[in-house]
Amino acid sequence: MKIEDLSWSTVLIVIGAIILACTIYNTIYSALKNWREARKRKNQPVDDLNTKVAENATKLKAHDQMLENDKKQLDEMGEQQRIMMRALMAILSHEINGNSTENLKKSLAEINDFLIGR
């Protein structure tokens, strides 16, 4: 087919087909773009909640670790207080009786064991 054989109607049909193809492409592209944006807007609250849940889980894990450390410290302080009370009782007993040196030696050994065991 030569250029001379082309009629205006054929050229117009080809141009119309190209315009129709571009219009169809733009329509499909716009529809997909709008669908993606709508889906993103719809999922945004869920994504925000998932982010907050993950942050809270991380904070909760850190708080649990801090509470565990605090419990260990409180337990250790309680043991220290019990040892100090035993030593004080031994001193008072020695002061009252005058010859309870065995209780004093026992309290001293407990304090040494505790301090060495730390």
C-alpha atoms as a PDB file:
ATOM      1  CA  MET A   1       0.000   0.000   0.000  1.00  0.00           C
ATOM      2  CA  LYS A   2       1.332   3.359  -1.023  1.00  0.00           C
ATOM      3  CA  ILE A   3       0.745   6.706   0.562  1.00  0.00           C
ATOM      4  CA  GLU A   4      -1.067   7.879  -2.536  1.00  0.00           C
ATOM      5  CA  ASP A   5      -3.621   5.083  -2.070  1.00  0.00           C
ATOM      6  CA  LEU A   6      -4.623   6.272   1.413  1.00  0.00           C
ATOM      7  CA  SER A   7      -7.831   8.185   1.641  1.00  0.00           C
ATOM      8  CA  TRP A   8      -8.794  10.723   4.253  1.00  0.00           C
ATOM      9  CA  SER A   9     -11.289   8.340   5.714  1.00  0.00           C
ATOM     10  CA  THR A  10      -8.571   5.732   6.292  1.00  0.00           C
ATOM     11  CA  VAL A  11      -6.315   8.310   7.943  1.00  0.00           C
ATOM     12  CA  LEU A  12      -9.180   9.466  10.138  1.00  0.00           C
ATOM     13  CA  ILE A  13      -9.976   5.880  11.115  1.00  0.00           C
ATOM     14  CA  VAL A  14      -6.347   5.247  12.095  1.00  0.00           C
ATOM     15  CA  ILE A  15      -6.181   8.503  14.091  1.00  0.00           C
ATOM     16  CA  GLY A  16      -9.532   7.653  15.722  1.00  0.00           C
ATOM     17  CA  ALA A  17      -8.241   4.183  16.648  1.00  0.00           C
ATOM     18  CA  ILE A  18      -5.104   5.705  18.208  1.00  0.00           C
ATOM     19  CA  ILE A  19      -7.184   8.207  20.181  1.00  0.00           C
ATOM     20  CA  LEU A  20      -9.566   5.439  21.270  1.00  0.00           C
ATOM     21  CA  ALA A  21      -6.624   3.281  22.447  1.00  0.00           C
ATOM     22  CA  CYS A  22      -5.156   6.210  24.414  1.00  0.00           C
ATOM     23  CA  THR A  23      -8.546   6.967  25.972  1.00  0.00           C
ATOM     24  CA  ILE A  24      -9.029   3.335  26.994  1.00  0.00           C
ATOM     25  CA  TYR A  25      -5.520   3.253  28.481  1.00  0.00           C
ATOM     26  CA  ASN A  26      -6.095   6.488  30.437  1.00  0.00           C
ATOM     27  CA  THR A  27      -9.458   5.266  31.713  1.00  0.00           C
ATOM     28  CA  ILE A  28      -8.028   1.961  32.940  1.00  0.00           C
ATOM     29  CA  TYR A  29      -4.973   3.702  34.451  1.00  0.00           C
ATOM     30  CA  SER A  30      -7.169   6.246  36.285  1.00  0.00           C
ATOM     31  CA  ALA A  31      -9.504   3.532  37.544  1.00  0.00           C
ATOM     32  CA  LEU A  32      -6.590   1.485  38.906  1.00  0.00           C
ATOM     33  CA  LYS A  33      -5.020   4.561  40.486  1.00  0.00           C
ATOM     34  CA  ASN A  34      -8.313   5.509  42.175  1.00  0.00           C
ATOM     35  CA  TRP A  35      -8.821   1.927  43.373  1.00  0.00           C
ATOM     36  CA  ARG A  36      -5.303   1.816  44.896  1.00  0.00           C
ATOM     37  CA  GLU A  37      -5.804   5.164  46.640  1.00  0.00           C
ATOM     38  CA  ALA A  38      -9.205   4.082  48.003  1.00  0.00           C
ATOM     39  CA  ARG A  39      -7.696   0.822  49.274  1.00  0.00           C
ATOM     40  CA  LYS A  40      -4.844   2.734  50.884  1.00  0.00           C
ATOM     41  CA  ARG A  41      -7.282   5.139  52.613  1.00  0.00           C
ATOM     42  CA  LYS A  42      -9.375   2.177  53.766  1.00  0.00           C
ATOM     43  CA  ASN A  43      -6.344   0.296  55.173  1.00  0.00           C
ATOM     44  CA  GLN A  44      -4.724   3.374  56.770  1.00  0.00           C
ATOM     45  CA  PRO A  45      -6.515   3.042  60.167  1.00  0.00           C
ATOM     46  CA  VAL A  46      -5.576  -0.646  60.333  1.00  0.00           C
ATOM     47  CA  ASP A  47      -1.960   0.130  59.482  1.00  0.00           C
ATOM     48  CA  ASP A  48      -1.892   2.857  62.148  1.00  0.00           C
ATOM     49  CA  LEU A  49      -3.270   0.427  64.728  1.00  0.00           C
ATOM     50  CA  ASN A  50      -0.734  -2.237  63.770  1.00  0.00           C
ATOM     51  CA  THR A  51       2.066   0.299  64.207  1.00  0.00           C
ATOM     52  CA  LYS A  52       0.758   1.353  67.619  1.00  0.00           C
ATOM     53  CA  VAL A  53       0.352  -2.275  68.712  1.00  0.00           C
ATOM     54  CA  ALA A  54       3.945  -3.017  67.717  1.00  0.00           C
ATOM     55  CA  GLU A  55       5.174   0.056  69.623  1.00  0.00           C
ATOM     56  CA  ASN A  56       3.145  -0.926  72.695  1.00  0.00           C
ATOM     57  CA  ALA A  57       4.469  -4.483  72.572  1.00  0.00           C
ATOM     58  CA  THR A  58       8.032  -3.153  72.520  1.00  0.00           C
ATOM     59  CA  LYS A  59       7.313  -0.812  75.440  1.00  0.00           C
ATOM     60  CA  LEU A  60       5.585  -3.602  77.366  1.00  0.00           C
ATOM     61  CA  LYS A  61       8.585  -5.881  76.929  1.00  0.00           C
ATOM     62  CA  ALA A  62      10.895  -3.110  78.195  1.00  0.00           C
ATOM     63  CA  HIS A  63       8.607  -2.438  81.172  1.00  0.00           C
ATOM     64  CA  ASP A  64       8.451  -6.136  82.018  1.00  0.00           C
ATOM     65  CA  GLN A  65      12.250  -6.251  82.051  1.00  0.00           C
ATOM     66  CA  MET A  66      12.402  -3.178  84.294  1.00  0.00           C
ATOM     67  CA  LEU A  67       9.839  -4.673  86.688  1.00  0.00           C
ATOM     68  CA  GLU A  68      11.799  -7.920  86.817  1.00  0.00           C
ATOM     69  CA  ASN A  69      14.976  -5.995  87.653  1.00  0.00           C
ATOM     70  CA  ASP A  70      13.138  -4.030  90.352  1.00  0.00           C
ATOM     71  CA  LYS A  71      11.770  -7.255  91.870  1.00  0.00           C
ATOM     72  CA  LYS A  72      15.273  -8.717  92.027  1.00  0.00           C
ATOM     73  CA  GLN A  73      16.535  -5.595  93.763  1.00  0.00           C
ATOM     74  CA  LEU A  74      13.659  -5.611  96.247  1.00  0.00           C
ATOM     75  CA  ASP A  75      14.220  -9.291  97.017  1.00  0.00           C
ATOM     76  CA  GLU A  76      17.909  -8.618  97.576  1.00  0.00           C
ATOM     77  CA  MET A  77      17.118  -5.666  99.830  1.00  0.00           C
ATOM     78  CA  GLY A  78      14.741  -7.855 101.836  1.00  0.00           C
ATOM     79  CA  GLU A  79      17.489 -10.447 102.311  1.00  0.00           C
ATOM     80  CA  GLN A  80      19.883  -7.700 103.393  1.00  0.00           C
ATOM     81  CA  GLN A  81      17.369  -6.449 105.940  1.00  0.00           C
ATOM     82  CA  ARG A  82      16.828  -9.965 107.350  1.00  0.00           C
ATOM     83  CA  ILE A  83      20.590 -10.434 107.793  1.00  0.00           C
ATOM     84  CA  MET A  84      20.901  -7.031 109.443  1.00  0.00           C
ATOM     85  CA  MET A  85      18.017  -7.855 111.797  1.00  0.00           C
ATOM     86  CA  ARG A  86      19.662 -11.160 112.770  1.00  0.00           C
ATOM     87  CA  ALA A  87      22.925  -9.332 113.471  1.00  0.00           C
ATOM     88  CA  LEU A  88      21.099  -6.712 115.516  1.00  0.00           C
ATOM     89  CA  MET A  89      19.294  -9.413 117.487  1.00  0.00           C
ATOM     90  CA  ALA A  90      22.631 -11.110 118.193  1.00  0.00           C
ATOM     91  CA  ILE A  91      24.115  -7.822 119.413  1.00  0.00           C
ATOM     92  CA  LEU A  92      21.094  -7.162 121.635  1.00  0.00           C
ATOM     93  CA  SER A  93      21.239 -10.703 122.981  1.00  0.00           C
ATOM     94  CA  HIS A  94      24.942 -10.246 123.748  1.00  0.00           C
ATOM     95  CA  GLU A  95      24.237  -6.960 125.501  1.00  0.00           C
ATOM     96  CA  ILE A  96      21.426  -8.490 127.554  1.00  0.00           C
ATOM     97  CA  ASN A  97      23.092 -11.831 128.419  1.00  0.00           C
ATOM     98  CA  GLY A  98      26.675 -10.691 128.307  1.00  0.00           C
ATOM     99  CA  ASN A  99      28.049 -13.925 126.884  1.00  0.00           C
ATOM    100  CA  SER A 100      26.218 -14.747 123.593  1.00  0.00           C
ATOM    101  CA  THR A 101      29.333 -14.652 121.454  1.00  0.00           C
ATOM    102  CA  GLU A 102      28.190 -17.666 119.425  1.00  0.00           C
ATOM    103  CA  ASN A 103      25.248 -15.673 118.015  1.00  0.00           C
ATOM    104  CA  LEU A 104      27.620 -12.825 117.140  1.00  0.00           C
ATOM    105  CA  LYS A 105      29.983 -15.223 115.331  1.00  0.00           C
ATOM    106  CA  LYS A 106      27.052 -16.784 113.471  1.00  0.00           C
ATOM    107  CA  SER A 107      25.746 -13.357 112.390  1.00  0.00           C
ATOM    108  CA  LEU A 108      29.215 -12.306 111.273  1.00  0.00           C
ATOM    109  CA  ALA A 109      29.514 -15.486 109.176  1.00  0.00           C
ATOM    110  CA  GLU A 110      26.090 -14.830 107.572  1.00  0.00           C
ATOM    111  CA  ILE A 111      27.069 -11.281 106.699  1.00  0.00           C
ATOM    112  CA  ASN A 112      30.375 -12.456 105.209  1.00  0.00           C
ATOM    113  CA  ASP A 113      28.626 -15.168 103.182  1.00  0.00           C
ATOM    114  CA  PHE A 114      26.101 -12.682 101.899  1.00  0.00           C
ATOM    115  CA  LEU A 115      28.687 -10.077 100.905  1.00  0.00           C
ATOM    116  CA  ILE A 116      30.999 -12.633  99.291  1.00  0.00           C
ATOM    117  CA  GLY A 117      28.091 -14.276  97.440  1.00  0.00           C
ATOM    118  CA  ARG A 118      27.080 -10.981  95.761  1.00  0.00           C
END
